[in-house]
Protein backbone atom coordinates (compact mmCIF):
# COMPACT_ATOMS: atom_id res chain seq x y z
CA UNK A 1 -0.01 0.03 -0.01
CA UNK A 2 2.82 2.38 0.85
CA UNK A 3 4.56 1.77 -2.53
CA UNK A 4 1.34 2.85 -4.24
CA UNK A 5 1.30 5.96 -2.19
CA UNK A 6 5.03 6.76 -3.03
CA UNK A 7 4.40 6.06 -6.65
CA UNK A 8 1.48 8.49 -6.67
CA UNK A 9 3.38 11.18 -4.78
CA UNK A 10 6.33 10.60 -7.19
CA UNK A 11 4.10 10.89 -10.24
CA UNK A 12 2.47 14.16 -8.93
CA UNK A 13 5.98 15.65 -8.22
CA UNK A 14 7.25 14.53 -11.68
CA UNK A 15 4.26 16.00 -13.33
CA UNK A 16 4.55 19.28 -11.46
CA UNK A 17 8.19 19.62 -12.37
CA UNK A 18 7.58 18.93 -16.02
CA UNK A 19 4.97 21.70 -16.32
CA UNK A 20 5.42 25.52 -16.44
CA UNK A 21 5.03 27.19 -13.05
CA UNK A 22 1.52 28.58 -13.99
CA UNK A 23 0.38 25.04 -14.92
CA UNK A 24 1.71 23.37 -11.71
CA UNK A 25 -0.97 24.64 -9.31
CA UNK A 26 -3.73 23.65 -11.84
CA UNK A 27 -2.16 20.14 -12.16
CA UNK A 28 -2.10 19.68 -8.30
CA UNK A 29 -5.72 21.07 -8.10
CA UNK A 30 -6.91 18.51 -10.67
CA UNK A 31 -5.03 15.58 -8.99
CA UNK A 32 -6.57 16.47 -5.64
CA UNK A 33 -9.99 16.91 -7.13
CA UNK A 34 -9.68 13.47 -8.92
CA UNK A 35 -8.75 11.90 -5.56
CA UNK A 36 -11.66 13.57 -3.64
CA UNK A 37 -14.46 11.12 -3.38
CA UNK A 38 -18.10 12.21 -3.99
CA UNK A 39 -20.77 12.05 -1.36
CA UNK A 40 -22.23 8.89 -3.14
CA UNK A 41 -18.84 7.25 -3.00
CA UNK A 42 -18.57 8.05 0.74
CA UNK A 43 -22.05 6.71 1.41
CA UNK A 44 -21.00 3.41 -0.39
CA UNK A 45 -17.99 3.10 1.80
CA UNK A 46 -20.29 3.15 4.88
CA UNK A 47 -22.86 0.69 3.45
CA UNK A 48 -21.85 -2.74 4.54
CA UNK A 49 -23.18 -6.17 4.02
CA UNK A 50 -23.71 -8.33 7.13
CA UNK A 51 -20.44 -10.26 6.29
CA UNK A 52 -18.54 -7.08 5.75
CA UNK A 53 -19.83 -5.78 8.99
CA UNK A 54 -18.60 -8.92 10.82
CA UNK A 55 -15.23 -8.63 9.16
CA UNK A 56 -14.86 -4.98 10.26
CA UNK A 57 -15.92 -5.91 13.90
CA UNK A 58 -13.41 -8.74 14.03
CA UNK A 59 -10.68 -6.61 12.64
CA UNK A 60 -11.44 -4.07 15.36
CA UNK A 61 -10.77 -6.85 17.73
CA UNK A 62 -7.23 -7.23 16.57
CA UNK A 63 -5.20 -9.29 14.23
CA UNK A 64 -5.74 -12.62 16.19
CA UNK A 65 -9.46 -11.97 16.12
CA UNK A 66 -9.54 -11.41 12.42
CA UNK A 67 -7.33 -14.38 11.49
CA UNK A 68 -9.56 -16.61 13.66
CA UNK A 69 -12.77 -15.28 12.05
CA UNK A 70 -11.57 -15.65 8.51
CA UNK A 71 -10.20 -19.12 9.06
CA UNK A 72 -13.13 -20.23 11.08
CA UNK A 73 -15.63 -19.15 8.50
CA UNK A 74 -13.78 -19.63 5.25
CA UNK A 75 -16.03 -22.46 4.19
CA UNK A 76 -19.12 -20.43 4.83
CA UNK A 77 -18.03 -16.92 3.50
CA UNK A 78 -15.19 -18.03 1.11
CA UNK A 79 -12.93 -15.41 2.62
CA UNK A 80 -9.16 -15.29 1.88
CA UNK A 81 -7.10 -13.61 4.60
CA UNK A 82 -4.91 -11.55 2.22
CA UNK A 83 -7.86 -10.38 0.21
CA UNK A 84 -9.81 -9.52 3.42
CA UNK A 85 -6.79 -7.41 4.63
CA UNK A 86 -6.59 -5.63 1.28
CA UNK A 87 -10.22 -4.88 1.39
CA UNK A 88 -10.01 -3.45 4.88
CA UNK A 89 -7.00 -1.29 3.91
CA UNK A 90 -8.80 0.04 0.90
CA UNK A 91 -11.95 0.75 3.03
CA UNK A 92 -9.86 2.60 5.63
CA UNK A 93 -8.16 4.70 2.90
CA UNK A 94 -11.65 5.44 1.44
CA UNK A 95 -12.92 6.53 4.93
CA UNK A 96 -9.86 8.74 5.38
CA UNK A 97 -10.43 10.38 2.12
CA UNK A 98 -14.18 11.01 3.00
CA UNK A 99 -13.24 12.63 6.28
CA UNK A 100 -10.72 14.86 4.64
CA UNK A 101 -13.46 15.75 1.87
CA UNK A 102 -16.03 16.52 4.62
CA UNK A 103 -13.53 18.64 6.40
CA UNK A 104 -12.58 20.60 3.24
CA UNK A 105 -16.26 21.21 2.54
CA UNK A 106 -16.81 22.57 6.09
CA UNK A 107 -13.82 24.87 5.72
CA UNK A 108 -15.07 26.07 2.44
CA UNK A 109 -18.57 26.63 3.73
CA UNK A 110 -17.16 28.67 6.61
CA UNK A 111 -15.16 30.85 4.13
CA UNK A 112 -18.24 31.67 2.05
């Protein structure tokens, strides 16, 4: 996950350095806008199936709890531990992006 973030940050820096100074700010704004989730995307992140809710609850209990749950229910839910961890990480990243977007919206609303 961190290598993806490093690659994205590197790509943004490389893009900015390749552009004239006046275009750099626009490129950064467009990149940030593309990364900002919509309200519908944020609502979708929070909407969980019963199985997903159980996975999130078990993950909140710690690594041992999650491993035990995934292995104990793998014949029922067909979960794979690594796929489940990747899904949890992606969900957490989406949640963070939604929190940041909501904070940005609140700041903009105060400035208007």
